Amino acid sequence: MTRRIVRTAIQLCVVTVFTLVALIFLDNRYRVLPSSIQHYLPAHHAGLVITDITLTKCSKPSLLSGCKLDGNKWARIEKDLYLSKAWLSNAYVHVQRKKEEDLLPDDRIVVDVRVGRLDPVTSEKGEGDGKWESRPGGIWLKRSANRHAADSKKAVTAVDVLFGADAVEPRPGWELKATPLQLGSSGGEVQDARLSVRRGPAEEIQRPVPRIRKDGKFKIMQVADLHLSTGPGTCRDPEPAGQDGGRCEADTRTLEFVGRVLDQEKPDLVVLSGDQINGDTAPDAQSALFKFAELFIHRKIPYATIFGNHDDEGSLSREALMALTESLPCSLSEAGPTNVDGVGNYIVEVLARGGSHHSALSLYLLDTHGYSPDERQFRGYDWIKKNQIDWFQKTAQSRQKAHQEYTHVHMDLAFIHIPLPEYRNVNNARVGQWKEAPTAPGFNSGFRAALVQEGVLLVSCGHDHVNDYCALDKHADGKPALWMCYAGGSGFGGYGGYGGYVRRVRLFDIDTNEARITTYKRVEWGETEKRLDEQTVVDGGRVVES
């Protein structure tokens, strides 16, 4: 009896497995299963698929010439392919997209995209199988009439446009087309417009967890004022001035410099402290943002960003820039609480080595905004608001008990863009260059006092490109209270000058075994192998004089 039951059970299992395999095989060819079941199959990706792509042009002077197609059928990518630089024309990419369950028998799914003047069948090896359809702008599409192509990894599910000969695509699953769209003469100076396409579903991005290394050490690299553009950009005040015959592409040189230091120093975390994007020269801020993100994503280095006064002067708001940054691999960036002024008030906890869940370092990043809201009374730049200071103090105090459970000395650091008013104190001892007057806010909101009260050991900023000093602020009794550092400007798209300023970045070498922090700078030209102005700013978990 027992044998018969076992034999029957085995037979039922075999039949069930065979039936499932047969159904999946048939569905792969004929989509016989309902959508509600298909969503759970491993080959399936839910969402939209692209069924067509085209390009439209219109004339600016003509009120009757529109650049929008039927909105019931087409979605426009809201980027003028001329970036509004052409004298007479605008142009846009449009896509047709559908939910997979809404595909009709005569719908065709885009499975490949090329850009060029010639049919890929004749211009590329291995493309002889299948018909390519021509679209304006040199776009060539390969489309499949097989509805199951929507489940294929080849199915195009999203399309974007990036700009510049130096454009990069850091998003996983996306492919940037090497050949720019064929737009013809525009009557103005424009950047190359290039298609980027995604196949399959959007990949889930895992937020990195920064952790102290096995040797108890951790290195932070601060990069300030990259000032990247849409396209290569133009150098301002390069040093040496006549290098390469005076030819200098700002972003190319900036990114090569930062990349070189990343490879030499191998930091565990990068903090970008504002003005990554030079708004005036970034009509497509997304393309500029992707250039710095690719540096860290390619090397798998976690990075955290805050904004300066220029980032949102291009095509994207602070909110949009942060949302885009949050969506990228290796990013630790956060918008922060919505009931606190600014975008990008948040904390990064660096965990202790091994499998510990205790924090060894806390990094507080705050938005210093842009320009003064009251120019008549306080000229210049904005200040950290009271509710930001309240948020910082409440956050710091709420974590004190947990931080005390760490077996070593827990340390707190802070990063901002615009310097605090206390940076102006000429009586503070300092290490490094003071070449320009600190452009701190005219109103002092008291953030320095809050930092000291909550035990933050150092704060570092950007903004004033040619200042790179660390100044020691003291208590009333003369004891060390807080180190206030500048990173120095890194980007050739921002100003330099002031007697031959060389671009640089700042590094913080942290040894949790000794609760010690050492800082120094690396420069783009000249003494490139030297740790410039190396100094110990924290020892035994306390602020010390250098």
Protein backbone atom coordinates (compact mmCIF):
# COMPACT_ATOMS: atom_id res chain seq x y z
CA MET A 1 0.00 0.00 0.00
CA THR A 2 2.81 2.39 0.95
CA ARG A 3 4.69 1.58 -2.26
CA ARG A 4 1.59 2.32 -4.33
CA ILE A 5 1.13 5.73 -2.66
CA VAL A 6 4.80 6.62 -3.19
CA ARG A 7 4.65 5.50 -6.84
CA THR A 8 1.48 7.53 -7.44
CA ALA A 9 3.02 10.61 -5.82
CA ILE A 10 6.14 10.31 -7.99
CA GLN A 11 4.01 9.96 -11.12
CA LEU A 12 1.98 13.05 -10.19
CA CYS A 13 5.17 15.07 -9.63
CA VAL A 14 6.57 13.99 -13.00
CA VAL A 15 3.34 14.89 -14.79
CA THR A 16 3.16 18.25 -13.02
CA VAL A 17 6.75 19.14 -13.89
CA PHE A 18 6.26 18.03 -17.51
CA THR A 19 3.07 20.09 -17.78
CA LEU A 20 4.74 23.22 -16.36
CA VAL A 21 7.72 22.87 -18.71
CA ALA A 22 5.39 22.39 -21.66
CA LEU A 23 3.31 25.45 -20.71
CA ILE A 24 6.40 27.63 -20.32
CA PHE A 25 7.74 26.36 -23.66
CA LEU A 26 4.44 27.12 -25.41
CA ASP A 27 4.17 30.51 -23.71
CA ASN A 28 7.67 31.40 -24.87
CA ARG A 29 6.43 30.98 -28.42
CA TYR A 30 2.75 31.84 -28.31
CA ARG A 31 2.06 33.63 -24.97
CA VAL A 32 -0.66 31.15 -23.97
CA LEU A 33 -0.57 32.06 -20.27
CA PRO A 34 -2.55 35.04 -18.90
CA SER A 35 -0.70 38.22 -17.95
CA SER A 36 -1.33 37.66 -14.25
CA ILE A 37 0.77 34.47 -14.44
CA GLN A 38 3.37 35.80 -16.88
CA HIS A 39 4.37 38.48 -14.36
CA TYR A 40 5.87 35.75 -12.17
CA LEU A 41 7.88 33.97 -14.85
CA PRO A 42 11.67 34.52 -14.63
CA ALA A 43 12.01 35.63 -18.28
CA HIS A 44 9.33 38.26 -17.89
CA HIS A 45 9.82 41.94 -17.12
CA ALA A 46 6.71 43.87 -16.30
CA GLY A 47 6.16 47.36 -17.67
CA LEU A 48 6.35 49.23 -20.94
CA VAL A 49 8.01 48.24 -24.18
CA ILE A 50 8.97 50.56 -27.04
CA THR A 51 7.15 49.93 -30.30
CA ASP A 52 8.51 52.84 -32.37
CA ILE A 53 10.94 55.76 -32.25
CA THR A 54 11.04 58.85 -34.44
CA LEU A 55 12.44 62.37 -34.59
CA THR A 56 10.56 65.56 -35.39
CA LYS A 57 11.83 69.01 -36.31
CA CYS A 58 9.99 72.29 -36.25
CA SER A 59 10.72 75.87 -37.17
CA LYS A 60 10.89 78.43 -34.35
CA PRO A 61 9.46 81.37 -36.34
CA SER A 62 6.43 79.40 -37.51
CA LEU A 63 3.51 79.31 -35.10
CA LEU A 64 1.92 76.52 -37.16
CA SER A 65 4.96 74.24 -36.99
CA GLY A 66 4.70 71.99 -33.92
CA CYS A 67 7.17 69.52 -32.48
CA LYS A 68 4.55 67.38 -30.78
CA LEU A 69 2.94 64.33 -32.34
CA ASP A 70 -0.40 62.81 -31.36
CA GLY A 71 -0.22 62.56 -27.57
CA ASN A 72 -2.46 59.50 -27.57
CA LYS A 73 0.15 57.57 -29.52
CA TRP A 74 3.50 59.25 -28.92
CA ALA A 75 5.46 60.37 -25.85
CA ARG A 76 8.00 63.16 -26.36
CA ILE A 77 11.37 63.12 -24.61
CA GLU A 78 11.41 66.67 -23.28
CA LYS A 79 14.88 67.65 -24.45
CA ASP A 80 15.34 69.93 -27.42
CA LEU A 81 18.03 68.17 -29.46
CA TYR A 82 19.56 71.58 -30.21
CA LEU A 83 19.42 72.50 -26.47
CA SER A 84 17.66 75.74 -27.56
CA LYS A 85 20.92 76.90 -29.19
CA ALA A 86 19.77 76.67 -32.81
CA TRP A 87 18.66 79.93 -34.36
CA LEU A 88 15.73 78.62 -36.36
CA SER A 89 14.88 75.06 -35.30
CA ASN A 90 13.85 72.76 -32.50
CA ALA A 91 13.92 68.97 -32.65
CA TYR A 92 12.67 66.21 -30.36
CA VAL A 93 12.73 62.43 -30.11
CA HIS A 94 9.34 60.75 -29.76
CA VAL A 95 8.63 57.18 -28.73
CA GLN A 96 5.62 54.90 -28.90
CA ARG A 97 5.32 52.63 -25.88
CA LYS A 98 2.78 50.16 -24.61
CA LYS A 99 2.16 47.90 -21.69
CA GLU A 100 2.89 44.34 -22.66
CA GLU A 101 -0.68 43.21 -21.95
CA ASP A 102 -1.99 45.95 -24.26
CA LEU A 103 0.01 44.85 -27.32
CA LEU A 104 -2.13 44.27 -30.39
CA PRO A 105 -1.50 41.66 -33.09
CA ASP A 106 -0.12 44.28 -35.52
CA ASP A 107 2.19 45.93 -32.95
CA ARG A 108 5.91 45.51 -33.49
CA ILE A 109 8.44 45.69 -30.68
CA VAL A 110 11.77 47.52 -31.03
CA VAL A 111 14.59 45.05 -30.33
CA ASP A 112 17.55 47.04 -31.63
CA VAL A 113 18.50 50.62 -32.47
CA ARG A 114 21.32 52.02 -34.57
CA VAL A 115 22.26 55.59 -35.56
CA GLY A 116 24.04 56.35 -38.82
CA ARG A 117 23.65 57.41 -42.41
CA LEU A 118 23.72 53.92 -43.89
CA ASP A 119 21.51 50.88 -43.45
CA PRO A 120 23.21 48.63 -40.83
CA VAL A 121 22.72 45.66 -43.21
CA THR A 122 25.27 47.19 -45.57
CA SER A 123 27.44 49.10 -43.09
CA GLU A 124 27.90 46.59 -40.24
CA LYS A 125 29.11 43.01 -40.30
CA GLY A 126 26.71 40.45 -38.90
CA GLU A 127 23.62 42.62 -39.42
CA GLY A 128 22.41 40.92 -42.57
CA ASP A 129 19.70 38.95 -40.79
CA GLY A 130 16.58 41.05 -40.48
CA LYS A 131 15.16 44.23 -41.90
CA TRP A 132 16.13 47.65 -40.53
CA GLU A 133 13.58 50.45 -40.72
CA SER A 134 14.74 54.02 -41.34
CA ARG A 135 13.60 56.98 -39.25
CA PRO A 136 14.58 60.68 -39.39
CA GLY A 137 17.86 61.76 -37.83
CA GLY A 138 19.75 58.67 -38.95
CA ILE A 139 17.78 56.39 -36.62
CA TRP A 140 17.49 52.75 -37.69
CA LEU A 141 15.14 50.35 -35.93
CA LYS A 142 14.90 46.58 -35.93
CA ARG A 143 11.42 45.56 -34.84
CA SER A 144 9.89 42.18 -34.11
CA ALA A 145 6.34 41.15 -34.92
CA ASN A 146 6.60 38.36 -32.36
CA ARG A 147 4.67 39.56 -29.33
CA HIS A 148 6.82 37.40 -27.10
CA ALA A 149 9.77 39.64 -27.98
CA ALA A 150 8.49 41.78 -25.10
CA ASP A 151 9.83 39.08 -22.77
CA SER A 152 13.21 39.02 -24.47
CA LYS A 153 16.27 40.71 -23.00
CA LYS A 154 16.60 42.41 -26.41
CA ALA A 155 13.33 44.33 -26.07
CA VAL A 156 13.94 48.08 -25.78
CA THR A 157 12.00 49.36 -22.76
CA ALA A 158 13.24 52.95 -22.38
CA VAL A 159 14.88 55.67 -24.49
CA ASP A 160 16.76 58.78 -23.38
CA VAL A 161 18.90 61.52 -24.95
CA LEU A 162 22.31 62.63 -23.65
CA PHE A 163 24.51 65.39 -25.02
CA GLY A 164 28.15 66.02 -25.81
CA ALA A 165 31.00 64.19 -27.49
CA ASP A 166 32.13 63.22 -23.96
CA ALA A 167 28.74 61.91 -22.80
CA VAL A 168 28.74 58.71 -20.75
CA GLU A 169 26.02 56.32 -19.61
CA PRO A 170 26.52 55.03 -16.05
CA ARG A 171 23.10 53.38 -15.61
CA PRO A 172 23.19 49.56 -15.68
CA GLY A 173 21.27 48.04 -18.57
CA TRP A 174 21.57 51.19 -20.70
CA GLU A 175 23.61 51.60 -23.89
CA LEU A 176 24.73 54.97 -25.24
CA LYS A 177 24.91 55.09 -29.01
CA ALA A 178 28.35 56.17 -30.20
CA THR A 179 27.10 58.00 -33.30
CA PRO A 180 25.21 61.26 -32.67
CA LEU A 181 21.82 61.90 -34.22
CA GLN A 182 22.02 63.34 -37.74
CA LEU A 183 20.41 66.74 -37.26
CA GLY A 184 21.97 68.70 -40.10
CA SER A 185 22.86 72.39 -39.97
CA SER A 186 21.24 74.23 -37.09
CA GLY A 187 22.50 77.78 -37.50
CA GLY A 188 24.05 77.72 -34.02
CA GLU A 189 26.68 76.02 -31.89
CA VAL A 190 25.15 72.85 -30.41
CA GLN A 191 26.36 69.70 -28.67
CA ASP A 192 26.04 66.23 -30.16
CA ALA A 193 22.71 64.64 -29.24
CA ARG A 194 23.01 60.90 -28.65
CA LEU A 195 20.41 58.23 -28.04
CA SER A 196 20.66 55.97 -25.02
CA VAL A 197 18.45 52.88 -24.81
CA ARG A 198 17.63 50.39 -22.09
CA ARG A 199 16.84 46.76 -22.73
CA GLY A 200 14.79 44.77 -20.28
CA PRO A 201 13.53 46.02 -16.90
CA ALA A 202 15.21 48.67 -14.82
CA GLU A 203 17.80 47.03 -12.60
CA GLU A 204 17.32 47.27 -8.86
CA ILE A 205 20.06 49.40 -7.32
CA GLN A 206 21.49 48.24 -4.01
CA ARG A 207 22.58 51.08 -1.73
CA PRO A 208 26.20 50.54 -0.63
CA VAL A 209 27.07 50.16 3.05
CA PRO A 210 30.33 51.97 3.87
CA ARG A 211 32.44 50.12 6.43
CA ILE A 212 35.83 50.54 8.13
CA ARG A 213 38.46 48.32 6.51
CA LYS A 214 39.88 45.24 8.24
CA ASP A 215 42.98 47.23 9.25
CA GLY A 216 40.78 49.73 11.08
CA LYS A 217 41.32 52.51 8.55
CA PHE A 218 39.06 54.49 6.25
CA LYS A 219 39.84 57.14 3.64
CA ILE A 220 37.52 59.93 2.49
CA MET A 221 38.23 62.01 -0.60
CA GLN A 222 36.50 65.38 -0.79
CA VAL A 223 35.95 66.74 -4.29
CA ALA A 224 34.73 70.33 -4.42
CA ASP A 225 33.58 72.54 -7.29
CA LEU A 226 33.92 70.26 -10.31
CA HIS A 227 31.91 72.75 -12.42
CA LEU A 228 31.10 70.25 -15.18
CA SER A 229 29.31 71.27 -18.37
CA THR A 230 27.18 69.72 -21.07
CA GLY A 231 29.96 68.79 -23.47
CA PRO A 232 33.69 69.14 -22.76
CA GLY A 233 33.52 72.76 -21.59
CA THR A 234 36.12 75.51 -21.73
CA CYS A 235 38.99 75.84 -19.24
CA ARG A 236 39.16 78.88 -16.99
CA ASP A 237 42.56 79.99 -15.68
CA PRO A 238 44.36 76.68 -16.33
CA GLU A 239 47.83 76.07 -14.91
CA PRO A 240 50.23 75.99 -16.61
CA ALA A 241 48.56 78.39 -19.02
CA GLY A 242 50.36 77.29 -22.18
CA GLN A 243 50.16 73.51 -21.69
CA ASP A 244 49.31 71.51 -24.87
CA GLY A 245 49.64 74.65 -26.96
CA GLY A 246 46.92 76.40 -24.98
CA ARG A 247 44.28 73.79 -25.89
CA CYS A 248 42.28 72.81 -22.81
CA GLU A 249 38.94 71.04 -22.51
CA ALA A 250 37.72 71.71 -18.99
CA ASP A 251 35.79 68.55 -18.22
CA THR A 252 38.28 66.25 -19.91
CA ARG A 253 41.13 67.60 -17.81
CA THR A 254 39.04 67.71 -14.62
CA LEU A 255 37.83 64.13 -14.91
CA GLU A 256 41.28 62.83 -15.82
CA PHE A 257 42.69 64.53 -12.71
CA VAL A 258 40.03 63.18 -10.34
CA GLY A 259 40.25 59.72 -11.90
CA ARG A 260 44.01 59.66 -11.48
CA VAL A 261 43.79 60.54 -7.78
CA LEU A 262 41.06 57.94 -7.27
CA ASP A 263 43.34 55.28 -8.72
CA GLN A 264 46.31 56.41 -6.65
CA GLU A 265 44.58 57.00 -3.32
CA LYS A 266 41.83 54.36 -3.57
CA PRO A 267 39.44 56.13 -1.16
CA ASP A 268 36.68 54.19 0.58
CA LEU A 269 34.20 57.05 0.11
CA VAL A 270 34.00 60.26 -1.92
CA VAL A 271 32.15 63.36 -0.73
CA LEU A 272 31.21 65.81 -3.49
CA SER A 273 30.68 69.07 -1.63
CA GLY A 274 28.74 71.12 -4.16
CA ASP A 275 28.90 72.83 -7.55
CA GLN A 276 29.44 69.55 -9.34
CA ILE A 277 27.53 71.14 -12.22
CA ASN A 278 28.24 74.53 -13.74
CA GLY A 279 24.66 75.57 -14.36
CA ASP A 280 25.37 78.30 -16.94
CA THR A 281 27.14 75.83 -19.23
CA ALA A 282 24.94 72.80 -18.52
CA PRO A 283 21.76 73.08 -20.60
CA ASP A 284 21.42 69.33 -20.03
CA ALA A 285 22.42 68.87 -16.39
CA GLN A 286 21.80 65.13 -16.59
CA SER A 287 24.69 64.69 -19.04
CA ALA A 288 26.99 66.66 -16.72
CA LEU A 289 25.89 64.70 -13.66
CA PHE A 290 26.49 61.36 -15.37
CA LYS A 291 30.10 62.31 -16.09
CA PHE A 292 31.12 62.59 -12.45
CA ALA A 293 28.94 59.65 -11.37
CA GLU A 294 30.61 57.37 -13.92
CA LEU A 295 34.00 57.98 -12.28
CA PHE A 296 32.84 56.35 -9.05
CA ILE A 297 30.44 53.76 -10.49
CA HIS A 298 33.16 52.41 -12.78
CA ARG A 299 35.48 52.00 -9.76
CA LYS A 300 32.71 50.84 -7.40
CA ILE A 301 33.45 53.63 -4.91
CA PRO A 302 30.52 54.90 -2.80
CA TYR A 303 29.88 58.64 -3.10
CA ALA A 304 27.71 61.21 -1.34
CA THR A 305 26.71 64.58 -2.79
CA ILE A 306 25.46 67.93 -1.59
CA PHE A 307 24.65 70.97 -3.70
CA GLY A 308 26.29 74.33 -4.20
CA ASN A 309 24.89 77.57 -5.55
CA HIS A 310 25.45 76.63 -9.22
CA ASP A 311 24.17 73.03 -9.50
CA ASP A 312 20.52 73.94 -10.09
CA GLU A 313 21.19 76.86 -12.45
CA GLY A 314 21.05 74.49 -15.43
CA SER A 315 18.14 72.40 -16.67
CA LEU A 316 17.25 70.54 -13.45
CA SER A 317 16.10 71.60 -10.00
CA ARG A 318 17.76 70.46 -6.79
CA GLU A 319 14.94 67.96 -6.26
CA ALA A 320 15.34 66.48 -9.76
CA LEU A 321 19.13 66.33 -9.47
CA MET A 322 18.92 64.53 -6.14
CA ALA A 323 16.31 62.06 -7.40
CA LEU A 324 18.55 61.26 -10.36
CA THR A 325 21.62 60.87 -8.14
CA GLU A 326 19.76 58.65 -5.69
CA SER A 327 18.81 56.31 -8.54
CA LEU A 328 22.41 55.60 -9.58
CA PRO A 329 24.71 52.79 -8.40
CA CYS A 330 27.17 53.48 -5.55
CA SER A 331 25.26 56.60 -4.48
CA LEU A 332 24.74 57.34 -0.78
CA SER A 333 23.03 60.65 -1.54
CA GLU A 334 19.66 61.44 0.03
CA ALA A 335 17.17 64.27 -0.33
CA GLY A 336 16.66 64.29 3.42
CA PRO A 337 13.52 65.20 5.36
CA THR A 338 11.00 67.26 3.42
CA ASN A 339 10.10 69.39 6.45
CA VAL A 340 13.66 70.75 6.68
CA ASP A 341 14.90 73.58 4.43
CA GLY A 342 17.03 72.53 1.49
CA VAL A 343 17.63 69.34 -0.45
CA GLY A 344 20.37 67.05 0.80
CA ASN A 345 20.35 67.22 4.60
CA TYR A 346 21.30 63.71 5.66
CA ILE A 347 23.73 61.51 7.55
CA VAL A 348 26.04 58.77 6.31
CA GLU A 349 26.98 56.18 8.91
CA VAL A 350 30.24 54.31 8.34
CA LEU A 351 30.01 50.99 10.14
CA ALA A 352 32.75 49.41 12.22
CA ARG A 353 34.92 46.72 10.64
CA GLY A 354 33.86 43.11 10.32
CA GLY A 355 30.20 42.31 10.73
CA SER A 356 29.51 44.95 13.36
CA HIS A 357 26.32 46.98 13.13
CA HIS A 358 27.78 49.82 15.20
CA SER A 359 28.69 53.12 13.59
CA ALA A 360 32.36 54.12 13.73
CA LEU A 361 32.00 57.43 11.86
CA SER A 362 29.06 59.74 11.27
CA LEU A 363 29.18 62.16 8.36
CA TYR A 364 26.65 64.99 8.46
CA LEU A 365 25.93 66.60 5.08
CA LEU A 366 23.85 69.77 4.87
CA ASP A 367 22.53 72.00 2.10
CA THR A 368 23.88 75.56 2.36
CA HIS A 369 21.48 76.75 -0.39
CA GLY A 370 22.47 79.49 -2.83
CA TYR A 371 22.07 83.25 -2.68
CA SER A 372 20.90 85.45 0.16
CA PRO A 373 17.12 85.74 0.47
CA ASP A 374 17.62 89.24 1.93
CA GLU A 375 20.22 91.04 -0.22
CA ARG A 376 19.37 94.43 1.28
CA GLN A 377 20.35 93.40 4.81
CA PHE A 378 22.68 90.42 4.21
CA ARG A 379 24.43 90.59 0.87
CA GLY A 380 26.00 87.57 -0.75
CA TYR A 381 25.08 84.02 0.11
CA ASP A 382 22.43 82.12 2.01
CA TRP A 383 22.90 80.45 5.40
CA ILE A 384 22.01 77.21 7.15
CA LYS A 385 18.48 77.63 8.51
CA LYS A 386 17.29 77.12 12.08
CA ASN A 387 15.25 74.03 11.24
CA GLN A 388 18.35 72.48 9.65
CA ILE A 389 20.32 73.12 12.82
CA ASP A 390 17.46 71.69 14.89
CA TRP A 391 17.39 68.60 12.65
CA PHE A 392 21.15 68.19 12.97
CA GLN A 393 21.14 68.47 16.76
CA LYS A 394 18.14 66.20 17.20
CA THR A 395 19.70 63.59 14.90
CA ALA A 396 23.08 63.78 16.64
CA GLN A 397 21.57 63.53 20.12
CA SER A 398 19.30 60.62 19.17
CA ARG A 399 22.33 58.57 18.12
CA GLN A 400 24.61 59.29 21.06
CA LYS A 401 23.63 56.20 23.05
CA ALA A 402 24.09 53.87 20.08
CA HIS A 403 27.44 55.47 19.24
CA GLN A 404 28.66 54.92 22.80
CA GLU A 405 28.23 51.18 22.31
CA TYR A 406 31.00 51.21 19.71
CA THR A 407 34.11 49.58 21.18
CA HIS A 408 36.42 52.35 19.91
CA VAL A 409 36.01 56.13 19.85
CA HIS A 410 33.16 57.20 17.59
CA MET A 411 33.91 60.34 15.52
CA ASP A 412 31.66 62.89 13.79
CA LEU A 413 32.50 64.99 10.70
CA ALA A 414 30.44 67.48 8.67
CA PHE A 415 30.48 68.63 5.04
CA ILE A 416 28.91 71.77 3.56
CA HIS A 417 29.38 73.89 0.44
CA ILE A 418 29.40 77.55 1.50
CA PRO A 419 31.80 78.27 4.39
CA LEU A 420 30.62 79.36 7.83
CA PRO A 421 31.14 82.99 8.93
CA GLU A 422 33.83 81.75 11.37
CA TYR A 423 36.06 80.89 8.38
CA ARG A 424 36.72 84.65 8.19
CA ASN A 425 38.52 84.74 11.55
CA VAL A 426 42.05 85.84 10.66
CA ASN A 427 43.27 85.05 14.18
CA ASN A 428 42.67 81.32 13.83
CA ALA A 429 45.82 79.25 13.25
CA ARG A 430 45.68 77.69 9.80
CA VAL A 431 47.54 75.34 7.49
CA GLY A 432 47.23 75.97 3.74
CA GLN A 433 46.44 78.90 1.47
CA TRP A 434 44.10 81.84 2.12
CA LYS A 435 44.07 83.48 -1.31
CA GLU A 436 40.61 85.04 -1.41
CA ALA A 437 38.32 86.49 1.20
CA PRO A 438 35.90 83.78 2.39
CA THR A 439 32.48 84.43 0.86
CA ALA A 440 30.56 83.22 3.90
CA PRO A 441 26.98 84.38 4.60
CA GLY A 442 26.46 87.83 6.06
CA PHE A 443 24.08 86.33 8.62
CA ASN A 444 25.46 83.95 11.26
CA SER A 445 22.79 81.36 12.09
CA GLY A 446 24.91 79.67 14.76
CA PHE A 447 25.79 76.38 13.06
CA ARG A 448 29.40 76.48 14.29
CA ALA A 449 28.20 76.52 17.89
CA ALA A 450 25.86 73.59 17.21
CA LEU A 451 28.69 71.57 15.63
CA VAL A 452 30.92 72.09 18.67
CA GLN A 453 28.09 71.38 21.09
CA GLU A 454 27.38 68.01 19.43
CA GLY A 455 31.03 66.99 19.35
CA VAL A 456 31.74 67.30 15.63
CA LEU A 457 35.50 67.33 15.16
CA LEU A 458 35.82 69.00 11.76
CA VAL A 459 33.76 70.61 9.03
CA SER A 460 34.93 70.95 5.44
CA CYS A 461 33.53 73.05 2.62
CA GLY A 462 34.13 74.20 -0.96
CA HIS A 463 32.81 77.30 -2.77
CA ASP A 464 35.89 79.55 -2.56
CA HIS A 465 38.00 77.74 -5.14
CA VAL A 466 41.47 79.05 -4.38
CA ASN A 467 41.29 78.70 -0.60
CA ASP A 468 42.53 75.33 0.63
CA TYR A 469 43.36 75.94 4.28
CA CYS A 470 42.30 74.24 7.49
CA ALA A 471 41.74 76.73 10.33
CA LEU A 472 41.53 75.79 14.01
CA ASP A 473 38.66 77.41 15.85
CA LYS A 474 39.02 77.46 19.64
CA HIS A 475 36.90 77.58 22.77
CA ALA A 476 36.87 80.70 24.90
CA ASP A 477 39.52 79.11 27.15
CA GLY A 478 41.86 78.66 24.17
CA LYS A 479 41.44 74.90 23.84
CA PRO A 480 40.92 73.43 20.34
CA ALA A 481 37.22 73.24 19.40
CA LEU A 482 36.75 72.59 15.67
CA TRP A 483 38.81 72.31 12.51
CA MET A 484 37.28 74.20 9.58
CA CYS A 485 38.74 73.13 6.22
CA TYR A 486 38.45 74.01 2.56
CA ALA A 487 38.91 71.32 -0.08
CA GLY A 488 40.10 73.69 -2.84
CA GLY A 489 38.49 73.78 -6.27
CA SER A 490 38.99 70.72 -8.50
CA GLY A 491 37.32 71.70 -11.76
CA PHE A 492 38.68 73.62 -14.73
CA GLY A 493 35.18 74.83 -15.60
CA GLY A 494 35.25 77.09 -12.53
CA TYR A 495 37.53 80.04 -11.83
CA GLY A 496 41.14 79.67 -10.74
CA GLY A 497 43.73 82.40 -11.10
CA TYR A 498 44.84 84.37 -8.02
CA GLY A 499 48.48 84.02 -8.90
CA GLY A 500 48.53 80.58 -10.45
CA TYR A 501 46.11 78.36 -8.53
CA VAL A 502 46.48 74.62 -9.26
CA ARG A 503 43.34 72.44 -8.99
CA ARG A 504 43.26 70.03 -6.06
CA VAL A 505 41.24 67.66 -3.88
CA ARG A 506 41.39 67.00 -0.13
CA LEU A 507 41.74 63.62 1.58
CA PHE A 508 41.03 62.51 5.12
CA ASP A 509 42.96 59.46 6.34
CA ILE A 510 41.09 58.03 9.33
CA ASP A 511 42.61 55.48 11.70
CA THR A 512 39.91 54.18 14.04
CA ASN A 513 42.47 52.17 16.02
CA GLU A 514 43.93 55.45 17.32
CA ALA A 515 40.87 57.67 16.73
CA ARG A 516 43.16 59.78 14.54
CA ILE A 517 42.41 61.85 11.43
CA THR A 518 45.11 63.12 9.10
CA THR A 519 44.33 65.36 6.15
CA TYR A 520 46.24 66.47 3.07
CA LYS A 521 45.72 67.57 -0.54
CA ARG A 522 46.66 66.22 -3.96
CA VAL A 523 47.18 68.60 -6.88
CA GLU A 524 46.60 68.30 -10.64
CA TRP A 525 49.91 69.78 -11.80
CA GLY A 526 53.37 70.23 -10.32
CA GLU A 527 53.95 68.26 -7.11
CA THR A 528 51.40 65.62 -8.10
CA GLU A 529 52.93 62.82 -6.01
CA LYS A 530 53.15 64.85 -2.81
CA ARG A 531 50.77 64.87 0.14
CA LEU A 532 50.47 68.63 0.34
CA ASP A 533 50.17 70.28 3.78
CA GLU A 534 49.74 66.96 5.56
CA GLN A 535 48.56 67.49 9.14
CA THR A 536 46.94 65.59 12.01
CA VAL A 537 43.72 67.29 13.06
CA VAL A 538 42.26 64.69 15.42
CA ASP A 539 44.09 62.33 17.78
CA GLY A 540 42.61 60.12 20.47
CA GLY A 541 39.19 61.30 19.31
CA ARG A 542 39.99 64.91 20.23
CA VAL A 543 40.66 68.02 18.14
CA VAL A 544 44.39 68.78 18.31
CA GLU A 545 46.63 71.59 17.13
CA SER A 546 48.79 70.75 14.13
